Amino acid sequence: MAEKDVTEKLLADYNDVFADIVNVLLFNGRQIVSAENLENVKDQSQYKADGKIHEQERDVSKLLRSSNTTITLFGFEHQTTAEKFMPVRQIGYDGQSYRAQLLKKEPNHIYPVITLILYFGTTPWNYGRHLTDLMEIPKEFEPYVSDYEMKNLYEIAFLKPEQVKLFRSDFRYVADYLVQKRMTNDYKPSADLLQHVDETLKLMSVLTDDRRFEEVIQELPGKGGTSMCTILDKVENKGKLEGMTLIYYTKLHYSAEQIAGELGAPVDQIQEIIRKLAK
């Protein structure tokens, strides 16, 4: 599994974040799903194509349980780009989830499967949300074709600011950043403290394609106690430091020691920046 794919899943895998996303996107902030009632599950399936066995797995999936009863299965799919054939993929995930229930020895009922597609792109989702949008169906066949709709596709960067405020978990900072950047091409960070610093910044790094969010992690406390104000200051300072190092190193041919002296930065930090420039 690609590192980027793994990184996108880290934050949502926390029960408090997972529940928060469901409660805001599905229930407008009402606390319907409790983090304490969520249970991790590996929702995985295999299929055969071109004579080979392939495996597919949801990005994040959890069971919502009450006592010994399963109420529903929630599955998340993270998309950084719009995908035309996403309805077909969702059919595969949902179908396998229902089939897995039939294979278990629970003869009286099955529980519902709810898939949320979290789209983090900064341009609108420009493909259809129905299976039939992908087809050219002869008119006489239309009444007999079963459709399938992606009911729960959410364009995070296009949420309304009042929706963003409903989030209680660290997902709020991710959504707030994307919405502000889309609306104003600027970002005014919150002074509230993050709980899952490492995972939030790694997701920000992937979504913005800005490695500085991930690189400043080592300069921050590992668990909470850090605000986006502090983080953004460090990210911007890192950018300025890298920019000045580039000028000194490429144009003025200064050594790492000379650059460190000019900028008042540790020599090892300047050496690391130079190593990156040389790649």
C-alpha atoms as a PDB file:
ATOM      1  CA  MET A   1       0.000   0.000   0.000  1.00  0.00           C
ATOM      2  CA  ALA A   2       1.360   3.407  -0.985  1.00  0.00           C
ATOM      3  CA  GLU A   3       2.617   5.684   1.787  1.00  0.00           C
ATOM      4  CA  LYS A   4       0.235   8.425   0.650  1.00  0.00           C
ATOM      5  CA  ASP A   5      -2.776   6.098   0.943  1.00  0.00           C
ATOM      6  CA  VAL A   6      -1.758   5.057   4.451  1.00  0.00           C
ATOM      7  CA  THR A   7      -1.223   8.665   5.543  1.00  0.00           C
ATOM      8  CA  GLU A   8      -4.703   9.703   4.390  1.00  0.00           C
ATOM      9  CA  LYS A   9      -6.267   7.065   6.647  1.00  0.00           C
ATOM     10  CA  LEU A  10      -4.373   7.770   9.875  1.00  0.00           C
ATOM     11  CA  LEU A  11      -6.464  10.634  11.251  1.00  0.00           C
ATOM     12  CA  ALA A  12      -9.892   9.193  10.416  1.00  0.00           C
ATOM     13  CA  ASP A  13      -8.965   5.895  12.045  1.00  0.00           C
ATOM     14  CA  TYR A  14      -9.232   7.509  15.492  1.00  0.00           C
ATOM     15  CA  ASN A  15     -12.705   6.801  16.869  1.00  0.00           C
ATOM     16  CA  ASP A  16     -13.264  10.387  18.022  1.00  0.00           C
ATOM     17  CA  VAL A  17     -12.457  11.714  14.551  1.00  0.00           C
ATOM     18  CA  PHE A  18     -14.425   8.996  12.760  1.00  0.00           C
ATOM     19  CA  ALA A  19     -17.530   9.617  14.884  1.00  0.00           C
ATOM     20  CA  ASP A  20     -17.171  13.376  14.449  1.00  0.00           C
ATOM     21  CA  ILE A  21     -17.053  13.107  10.648  1.00  0.00           C
ATOM     22  CA  VAL A  22     -20.166  10.910  10.592  1.00  0.00           C
ATOM     23  CA  ASN A  23     -22.086  13.123  13.021  1.00  0.00           C
ATOM     24  CA  VAL A  24     -21.378  16.337  11.105  1.00  0.00           C
ATOM     25  CA  LEU A  25     -21.729  15.101   7.539  1.00  0.00           C
ATOM     26  CA  LEU A  26     -24.703  12.783   8.043  1.00  0.00           C
ATOM     27  CA  PHE A  27     -26.493  14.282  11.045  1.00  0.00           C
ATOM     28  CA  ASN A  28     -25.626  18.002  10.886  1.00  0.00           C
ATOM     29  CA  GLY A  29     -23.637  17.860  14.113  1.00  0.00           C
ATOM     30  CA  ARG A  30     -26.097  15.885  16.236  1.00  0.00           C
ATOM     31  CA  GLN A  31     -24.209  13.382  18.393  1.00  0.00           C
ATOM     32  CA  ILE A  32     -25.812  10.237  16.982  1.00  0.00           C
ATOM     33  CA  VAL A  33     -22.647   8.115  16.786  1.00  0.00           C
ATOM     34  CA  SER A  34     -20.522   7.729  19.899  1.00  0.00           C
ATOM     35  CA  ALA A  35     -16.797   7.013  19.642  1.00  0.00           C
ATOM     36  CA  GLU A  36     -17.128   4.481  22.461  1.00  0.00           C
ATOM     37  CA  ASN A  37     -19.520   2.370  20.380  1.00  0.00           C
ATOM     38  CA  LEU A  38     -17.266   2.097  17.344  1.00  0.00           C
ATOM     39  CA  GLU A  39     -15.277  -1.036  16.646  1.00  0.00           C
ATOM     40  CA  ASN A  40     -12.531  -1.433  14.065  1.00  0.00           C
ATOM     41  CA  VAL A  41     -13.176  -3.954  11.322  1.00  0.00           C
ATOM     42  CA  LYS A  42     -11.139  -4.943   8.295  1.00  0.00           C
ATOM     43  CA  ASP A  43     -13.552  -4.723   5.385  1.00  0.00           C
ATOM     44  CA  GLN A  44     -11.612  -6.553   2.702  1.00  0.00           C
ATOM     45  CA  SER A  45     -12.553  -8.532  -0.375  1.00  0.00           C
ATOM     46  CA  GLN A  46     -10.950 -10.388  -3.236  1.00  0.00           C
ATOM     47  CA  TYR A  47     -11.944 -10.687  -6.863  1.00  0.00           C
ATOM     48  CA  LYS A  48     -10.582 -12.402  -9.940  1.00  0.00           C
ATOM     49  CA  ALA A  49      -9.758 -10.472 -13.102  1.00  0.00           C
ATOM     50  CA  ASP A  50      -7.461 -11.259 -15.997  1.00  0.00           C
ATOM     51  CA  GLY A  51      -6.799 -14.634 -14.429  1.00  0.00           C
ATOM     52  CA  LYS A  52      -5.360 -13.033 -11.273  1.00  0.00           C
ATOM     53  CA  ILE A  53      -6.651 -12.580  -7.734  1.00  0.00           C
ATOM     54  CA  HIS A  54      -6.942  -8.927  -6.704  1.00  0.00           C
ATOM     55  CA  GLU A  55      -7.649  -7.488  -3.274  1.00  0.00           C
ATOM     56  CA  GLN A  56      -9.608  -4.400  -2.356  1.00  0.00           C
ATOM     57  CA  GLU A  57     -10.057  -2.849   1.061  1.00  0.00           C
ATOM     58  CA  ARG A  58     -11.925   0.205   2.306  1.00  0.00           C
ATOM     59  CA  ASP A  59      -9.774   3.096   3.487  1.00  0.00           C
ATOM     60  CA  VAL A  60     -11.345   3.043   6.976  1.00  0.00           C
ATOM     61  CA  SER A  61     -14.277   0.981   8.223  1.00  0.00           C
ATOM     62  CA  LYS A  62     -15.892   0.602  11.624  1.00  0.00           C
ATOM     63  CA  LEU A  63     -18.889  -1.163  13.106  1.00  0.00           C
ATOM     64  CA  LEU A  64     -21.330   0.784  15.235  1.00  0.00           C
ATOM     65  CA  ARG A  65     -22.446  -1.517  18.015  1.00  0.00           C
ATOM     66  CA  SER A  66     -24.874  -1.346  20.928  1.00  0.00           C
ATOM     67  CA  SER A  67     -24.423  -4.050  23.571  1.00  0.00           C
ATOM     68  CA  ASN A  68     -23.946  -7.188  21.475  1.00  0.00           C
ATOM     69  CA  THR A  69     -25.865  -5.908  18.462  1.00  0.00           C
ATOM     70  CA  THR A  70     -24.319  -4.458  15.319  1.00  0.00           C
ATOM     71  CA  ILE A  71     -26.278  -1.403  14.210  1.00  0.00           C
ATOM     72  CA  THR A  72     -24.426  -0.553  11.000  1.00  0.00           C
ATOM     73  CA  LEU A  73     -21.085  -0.608   9.224  1.00  0.00           C
ATOM     74  CA  PHE A  74     -19.611   2.741   8.208  1.00  0.00           C
ATOM     75  CA  GLY A  75     -16.946   2.854   5.529  1.00  0.00           C
ATOM     76  CA  PHE A  76     -14.839   5.834   4.437  1.00  0.00           C
ATOM     77  CA  GLU A  77     -13.175   6.325   1.089  1.00  0.00           C
ATOM     78  CA  HIS A  78     -10.669   9.175   0.722  1.00  0.00           C
ATOM     79  CA  GLN A  79     -10.384  10.813  -2.702  1.00  0.00           C
ATOM     80  CA  THR A  80      -7.904  13.566  -3.534  1.00  0.00           C
ATOM     81  CA  THR A  81      -9.019  13.552  -7.177  1.00  0.00           C
ATOM     82  CA  ALA A  82     -12.438  12.992  -8.732  1.00  0.00           C
ATOM     83  CA  GLU A  83     -12.873   9.496 -10.154  1.00  0.00           C
ATOM     84  CA  LYS A  84     -15.359   8.846 -12.923  1.00  0.00           C
ATOM     85  CA  PHE A  85     -16.019   5.215 -12.034  1.00  0.00           C
ATOM     86  CA  MET A  86     -16.379   5.711  -8.284  1.00  0.00           C
ATOM     87  CA  PRO A  87     -19.993   4.392  -8.301  1.00  0.00           C
ATOM     88  CA  VAL A  88     -18.678   1.050  -9.548  1.00  0.00           C
ATOM     89  CA  ARG A  89     -16.045   0.943  -6.817  1.00  0.00           C
ATOM     90  CA  GLN A  90     -18.651   1.699  -4.180  1.00  0.00           C
ATOM     91  CA  ILE A  91     -20.870  -1.128  -5.450  1.00  0.00           C
ATOM     92  CA  GLY A  92     -17.919  -3.468  -4.985  1.00  0.00           C
ATOM     93  CA  TYR A  93     -17.265  -2.327  -1.418  1.00  0.00           C
ATOM     94  CA  ASP A  94     -20.903  -2.366  -0.353  1.00  0.00           C
ATOM     95  CA  GLY A  95     -21.679  -5.654  -2.081  1.00  0.00           C
ATOM     96  CA  GLN A  96     -18.772  -7.385  -0.388  1.00  0.00           C
ATOM     97  CA  SER A  97     -19.824  -6.023   3.001  1.00  0.00           C
ATOM     98  CA  TYR A  98     -23.299  -7.499   2.598  1.00  0.00           C
ATOM     99  CA  ARG A  99     -21.950 -10.766   1.234  1.00  0.00           C
ATOM    100  CA  ALA A 100     -19.631 -11.098   4.232  1.00  0.00           C
ATOM    101  CA  GLN A 101     -22.671 -10.856   6.494  1.00  0.00           C
ATOM    102  CA  LEU A 102     -24.426 -13.660   4.617  1.00  0.00           C
ATOM    103  CA  LEU A 103     -21.398 -15.898   5.073  1.00  0.00           C
ATOM    104  CA  LYS A 104     -21.579 -15.495   8.849  1.00  0.00           C
ATOM    105  CA  LYS A 105     -23.912 -17.558  10.969  1.00  0.00           C
ATOM    106  CA  GLU A 106     -26.395 -14.753  11.675  1.00  0.00           C
ATOM    107  CA  PRO A 107     -29.486 -16.111   9.910  1.00  0.00           C
ATOM    108  CA  ASN A 108     -32.208 -13.627  10.873  1.00  0.00           C
ATOM    109  CA  HIS A 109     -31.090 -10.257   9.591  1.00  0.00           C
ATOM    110  CA  ILE A 110     -28.345  -8.179   8.026  1.00  0.00           C
ATOM    111  CA  TYR A 111     -27.286  -4.705   9.118  1.00  0.00           C
ATOM    112  CA  PRO A 112     -26.999  -1.664   6.814  1.00  0.00           C
ATOM    113  CA  VAL A 113     -23.759  -0.544   5.200  1.00  0.00           C
ATOM    114  CA  ILE A 114     -23.176   3.204   4.838  1.00  0.00           C
ATOM    115  CA  THR A 115     -20.295   4.485   2.703  1.00  0.00           C
ATOM    116  CA  LEU A 116     -18.992   8.045   2.942  1.00  0.00           C
ATOM    117  CA  ILE A 117     -16.726   9.334   0.198  1.00  0.00           C
ATOM    118  CA  LEU A 118     -14.552  12.178   1.471  1.00  0.00           C
ATOM    119  CA  TYR A 119     -13.348  14.203  -1.497  1.00  0.00           C
ATOM    120  CA  PHE A 120     -10.497  16.582  -0.678  1.00  0.00           C
ATOM    121  CA  GLY A 121     -10.035  18.126  -4.112  1.00  0.00           C
ATOM    122  CA  THR A 122     -10.089  21.901  -4.566  1.00  0.00           C
ATOM    123  CA  THR A 123     -12.137  21.733  -7.762  1.00  0.00           C
ATOM    124  CA  PRO A 124     -15.748  20.475  -7.780  1.00  0.00           C
ATOM    125  CA  TRP A 125     -16.497  16.790  -8.296  1.00  0.00           C
ATOM    126  CA  ASN A 126     -17.225  16.831 -12.013  1.00  0.00           C
ATOM    127  CA  TYR A 127     -18.510  13.289 -12.549  1.00  0.00           C
ATOM    128  CA  GLY A 128     -21.917  11.733 -12.044  1.00  0.00           C
ATOM    129  CA  ARG A 129     -22.946  10.134  -8.772  1.00  0.00           C
ATOM    130  CA  HIS A 130     -25.179   7.455 -10.283  1.00  0.00           C
ATOM    131  CA  LEU A 131     -24.188   4.188 -11.910  1.00  0.00           C
ATOM    132  CA  THR A 132     -26.461   5.005 -14.842  1.00  0.00           C
ATOM    133  CA  ASP A 133     -24.497   8.221 -15.440  1.00  0.00           C
ATOM    134  CA  LEU A 134     -21.732   5.986 -16.764  1.00  0.00           C
ATOM    135  CA  MET A 135     -23.954   4.211 -19.297  1.00  0.00           C
ATOM    136  CA  GLU A 136     -25.618   4.799 -22.622  1.00  0.00           C
ATOM    137  CA  ILE A 137     -28.832   2.845 -22.085  1.00  0.00           C
ATOM    138  CA  PRO A 138     -31.227   2.170 -24.952  1.00  0.00           C
ATOM    139  CA  LYS A 139     -34.528   3.811 -24.056  1.00  0.00           C
ATOM    140  CA  GLU A 140     -36.469   0.548 -24.118  1.00  0.00           C
ATOM    141  CA  PHE A 141     -34.076  -0.940 -21.539  1.00  0.00           C
ATOM    142  CA  GLU A 142     -34.140   1.962 -19.088  1.00  0.00           C
ATOM    143  CA  PRO A 143     -37.024   0.664 -16.911  1.00  0.00           C
ATOM    144  CA  TYR A 144     -35.127  -2.556 -16.220  1.00  0.00           C
ATOM    145  CA  VAL A 145     -31.703  -1.237 -15.271  1.00  0.00           C
ATOM    146  CA  SER A 146     -31.064  -1.067 -11.518  1.00  0.00           C
ATOM    147  CA  ASP A 147     -29.359   2.185 -10.608  1.00  0.00           C
ATOM    148  CA  TYR A 148     -26.910   2.781  -7.777  1.00  0.00           C
ATOM    149  CA  GLU A 149     -26.333   6.182  -6.228  1.00  0.00           C
ATOM    150  CA  MET A 150     -23.378   7.524  -4.247  1.00  0.00           C
ATOM    151  CA  LYS A 151     -25.593   9.209  -1.654  1.00  0.00           C
ATOM    152  CA  ASN A 152     -22.826  10.303   0.667  1.00  0.00           C
ATOM    153  CA  LEU A 153     -20.134  12.027  -1.376  1.00  0.00           C
ATOM    154  CA  TYR A 154     -18.829  15.086   0.469  1.00  0.00           C
ATOM    155  CA  GLU A 155     -16.641  17.766  -1.107  1.00  0.00           C
ATOM    156  CA  ILE A 156     -14.718  18.874   1.979  1.00  0.00           C
ATOM    157  CA  ALA A 157     -13.249  22.057   0.465  1.00  0.00           C
ATOM    158  CA  PHE A 158     -16.784  23.119  -0.519  1.00  0.00           C
ATOM    159  CA  LEU A 159     -18.413  22.751   2.878  1.00  0.00           C
ATOM    160  CA  LYS A 160     -19.999  25.904   4.264  1.00  0.00           C
ATOM    161  CA  PRO A 161     -18.035  27.667   7.030  1.00  0.00           C
ATOM    162  CA  GLU A 162     -20.910  27.024   9.447  1.00  0.00           C
ATOM    163  CA  GLN A 163     -20.645  23.302   8.691  1.00  0.00           C
ATOM    164  CA  VAL A 164     -16.917  23.352   9.427  1.00  0.00           C
ATOM    165  CA  LYS A 165     -17.614  24.863  12.848  1.00  0.00           C
ATOM    166  CA  LEU A 166     -19.704  21.804  13.757  1.00  0.00           C
ATOM    167  CA  PHE A 167     -16.659  19.531  13.794  1.00  0.00           C
ATOM    168  CA  ARG A 168     -15.321  18.846  17.295  1.00  0.00           C
ATOM    169  CA  SER A 169     -12.285  16.770  16.390  1.00  0.00           C
ATOM    170  CA  ASP A 170      -9.015  17.612  14.632  1.00  0.00           C
ATOM    171  CA  PHE A 171     -10.758  17.039  11.313  1.00  0.00           C
ATOM    172  CA  ARG A 172     -12.062  20.599  11.743  1.00  0.00           C
ATOM    173  CA  TYR A 173      -8.576  22.013  11.138  1.00  0.00           C
ATOM    174  CA  VAL A 174      -8.199  20.070   7.897  1.00  0.00           C
ATOM    175  CA  ALA A 175     -11.636  21.102   6.623  1.00  0.00           C
ATOM    176  CA  ASP A 176     -11.136  24.707   7.772  1.00  0.00           C
ATOM    177  CA  TYR A 177      -7.824  24.971   5.926  1.00  0.00           C
ATOM    178  CA  LEU A 178      -9.257  23.627   2.659  1.00  0.00           C
ATOM    179  CA  VAL A 179     -12.383  25.803   2.821  1.00  0.00           C
ATOM    180  CA  GLN A 180     -10.488  29.004   3.651  1.00  0.00           C
ATOM    181  CA  LYS A 181      -7.893  28.430   0.929  1.00  0.00           C
ATOM    182  CA  ARG A 182     -10.614  27.779  -1.645  1.00  0.00           C
ATOM    183  CA  MET A 183     -12.660  30.831  -0.661  1.00  0.00           C
ATOM    184  CA  THR A 184      -9.931  33.435  -0.061  1.00  0.00           C
ATOM    185  CA  ASN A 185      -6.646  31.795  -1.092  1.00  0.00           C
ATOM    186  CA  ASP A 186      -5.528  32.589   2.444  1.00  0.00           C
ATOM    187  CA  TYR A 187      -5.637  30.841   5.800  1.00  0.00           C
ATOM    188  CA  LYS A 188      -6.207  32.296   9.250  1.00  0.00           C
ATOM    189  CA  PRO A 189      -5.462  29.510  11.728  1.00  0.00           C
ATOM    190  CA  SER A 190      -7.316  28.746  14.931  1.00  0.00           C
ATOM    191  CA  ALA A 191      -5.727  29.081  18.360  1.00  0.00           C
ATOM    192  CA  ASP A 192      -7.462  25.899  19.569  1.00  0.00           C
ATOM    193  CA  LEU A 193      -5.237  22.940  20.455  1.00  0.00           C
ATOM    194  CA  LEU A 194      -4.909  19.801  18.351  1.00  0.00           C
ATOM    195  CA  GLN A 195      -5.203  16.340  19.883  1.00  0.00           C
ATOM    196  CA  HIS A 196      -3.681  14.230  17.105  1.00  0.00           C
ATOM    197  CA  VAL A 197      -0.823  16.448  15.956  1.00  0.00           C
ATOM    198  CA  ASP A 198       1.218  13.893  14.028  1.00  0.00           C
ATOM    199  CA  GLU A 199      -1.700  12.444  12.053  1.00  0.00           C
ATOM    200  CA  THR A 200      -3.302  15.821  11.319  1.00  0.00           C
ATOM    201  CA  LEU A 201      -0.120  17.330   9.929  1.00  0.00           C
ATOM    202  CA  LYS A 202       0.697  14.262   7.845  1.00  0.00           C
ATOM    203  CA  LEU A 203      -2.743  14.494   6.272  1.00  0.00           C
ATOM    204  CA  MET A 204      -2.276  18.228   5.687  1.00  0.00           C
ATOM    205  CA  SER A 205       1.065  17.497   4.044  1.00  0.00           C
ATOM    206  CA  VAL A 206      -0.509  14.999   1.631  1.00  0.00           C
ATOM    207  CA  LEU A 207      -3.530  17.153   0.784  1.00  0.00           C
ATOM    208  CA  THR A 208      -1.557  20.360   0.209  1.00  0.00           C
ATOM    209  CA  ASP A 209       1.510  18.682  -1.299  1.00  0.00           C
ATOM    210  CA  ASP A 210       3.513  20.783   1.148  1.00  0.00           C
ATOM    211  CA  ARG A 211       6.078  18.655   2.974  1.00  0.00           C
ATOM    212  CA  ARG A 212       6.738  21.416   5.506  1.00  0.00           C
ATOM    213  CA  PHE A 213       3.633  20.385   7.479  1.00  0.00           C
ATOM    214  CA  GLU A 214       5.192  16.967   8.030  1.00  0.00           C
ATOM    215  CA  GLU A 215       8.718  18.243   8.507  1.00  0.00           C
ATOM    216  CA  VAL A 216       7.808  20.474  11.476  1.00  0.00           C
ATOM    217  CA  ILE A 217       6.310  17.535  13.408  1.00  0.00           C
ATOM    218  CA  GLN A 218       9.620  16.781  15.085  1.00  0.00           C
ATOM    219  CA  GLU A 219       9.680  20.332  16.456  1.00  0.00           C
ATOM    220  CA  LEU A 220       6.276  19.927  18.157  1.00  0.00           C
ATOM    221  CA  PRO A 221       4.867  18.001  21.132  1.00  0.00           C
ATOM    222  CA  GLY A 222       3.710  14.582  19.992  1.00  0.00           C
ATOM    223  CA  LYS A 223       0.287  14.528  21.652  1.00  0.00           C
ATOM    224  CA  GLY A 224      -1.818  17.660  21.732  1.00  0.00           C
ATOM    225  CA  GLY A 225      -0.944  21.007  23.242  1.00  0.00           C
ATOM    226  CA  THR A 226      -0.198  22.654  19.889  1.00  0.00           C
ATOM    227  CA  SER A 227      -2.348  25.090  17.931  1.00  0.00           C
ATOM    228  CA  MET A 228      -2.516  25.652  14.185  1.00  0.00           C
ATOM    229  CA  CYS A 229      -1.246  29.183  14.866  1.00  0.00           C
ATOM    230  CA  THR A 230       1.998  27.755  16.234  1.00  0.00           C
ATOM    231  CA  ILE A 231       2.237  25.195  13.460  1.00  0.00           C
ATOM    232  CA  LEU A 232       1.675  27.731  10.681  1.00  0.00           C
ATOM    233  CA  ASP A 233       4.338  30.021  12.153  1.00  0.00           C
ATOM    234  CA  LYS A 234       6.828  27.164  12.068  1.00  0.00           C
ATOM    235  CA  VAL A 235       5.798  26.171   8.522  1.00  0.00           C
ATOM    236  CA  GLU A 236       6.193  29.743   7.257  1.00  0.00           C
ATOM    237  CA  ASN A 237       9.493  30.231   9.067  1.00  0.00           C
ATOM    238  CA  LYS A 238      10.733  26.995   7.558  1.00  0.00           C
ATOM    239  CA  GLY A 239       9.792  28.262   4.123  1.00  0.00           C
ATOM    240  CA  LYS A 240      11.625  31.549   4.668  1.00  0.00           C
ATOM    241  CA  LEU A 241      14.698  29.726   5.949  1.00  0.00           C
ATOM    242  CA  GLU A 242      14.725  27.415   2.923  1.00  0.00           C
ATOM    243  CA  GLY A 243      14.277  30.366   0.567  1.00  0.00           C
ATOM    244  CA  MET A 244      17.169  32.324   2.071  1.00  0.00           C
ATOM    245  CA  THR A 245      19.373  29.230   2.113  1.00  0.00           C
ATOM    246  CA  LEU A 246      18.662  28.696  -1.589  1.00  0.00           C
ATOM    247  CA  ILE A 247      19.773  32.256  -2.374  1.00  0.00           C
ATOM    248  CA  TYR A 248      22.944  32.089  -0.285  1.00  0.00           C
ATOM    249  CA  TYR A 249      23.891  28.626  -1.516  1.00  0.00           C
ATOM    250  CA  THR A 250      23.139  28.864  -5.245  1.00  0.00           C
ATOM    251  CA  LYS A 251      23.812  32.530  -5.983  1.00  0.00           C
ATOM    252  CA  LEU A 252      26.392  33.581  -3.429  1.00  0.00           C
ATOM    253  CA  HIS A 253      28.062  30.176  -3.006  1.00  0.00           C
ATOM    254  CA  TYR A 254      28.174  30.404   0.785  1.00  0.00           C
ATOM    255  CA  SER A 255      29.101  27.355   2.835  1.00  0.00           C
ATOM    256  CA  ALA A 256      26.665  25.793   5.309  1.00  0.00           C
ATOM    257  CA  GLU A 257      28.605  27.402   8.166  1.00  0.00           C
ATOM    258  CA  GLN A 258      28.461  30.848   6.544  1.00  0.00           C
ATOM    259  CA  ILE A 259      24.727  30.536   5.854  1.00  0.00           C
ATOM    260  CA  ALA A 260      24.071  29.408   9.428  1.00  0.00           C
ATOM    261  CA  GLY A 261      25.957  32.440  10.693  1.00  0.00           C
ATOM    262  CA  GLU A 262      24.026  34.822   8.454  1.00  0.00           C
ATOM    263  CA  LEU A 263      20.618  33.383   9.350  1.00  0.00           C
ATOM    264  CA  GLY A 264      21.280  32.509  12.994  1.00  0.00           C
ATOM    265  CA  ALA A 265      20.239  28.892  12.381  1.00  0.00           C
ATOM    266  CA  PRO A 266      21.883  25.621  13.464  1.00  0.00           C
ATOM    267  CA  VAL A 267      24.498  24.338  11.015  1.00  0.00           C
ATOM    268  CA  ASP A 268      22.944  20.856  10.892  1.00  0.00           C
ATOM    269  CA  GLN A 269      19.590  22.366   9.873  1.00  0.00           C
ATOM    270  CA  ILE A 270      21.215  24.295   7.026  1.00  0.00           C
ATOM    271  CA  GLN A 271      23.108  21.182   5.947  1.00  0.00           C
ATOM    272  CA  GLU A 272      19.821  19.263   5.770  1.00  0.00           C
ATOM    273  CA  ILE A 273      18.268  21.970   3.589  1.00  0.00           C
ATOM    274  CA  ILE A 274      21.286  21.914   1.290  1.00  0.00           C
ATOM    275  CA  ARG A 275      21.045  18.130   0.968  1.00  0.00           C
ATOM    276  CA  LYS A 276      17.440  18.523  -0.182  1.00  0.00           C
ATOM    277  CA  LEU A 277      18.425  21.209  -2.674  1.00  0.00           C
ATOM    278  CA  ALA A 278      21.068  18.924  -4.136  1.00  0.00           C
ATOM    279  CA  LYS A 279      18.575  16.129  -4.870  1.00  0.00           C
END
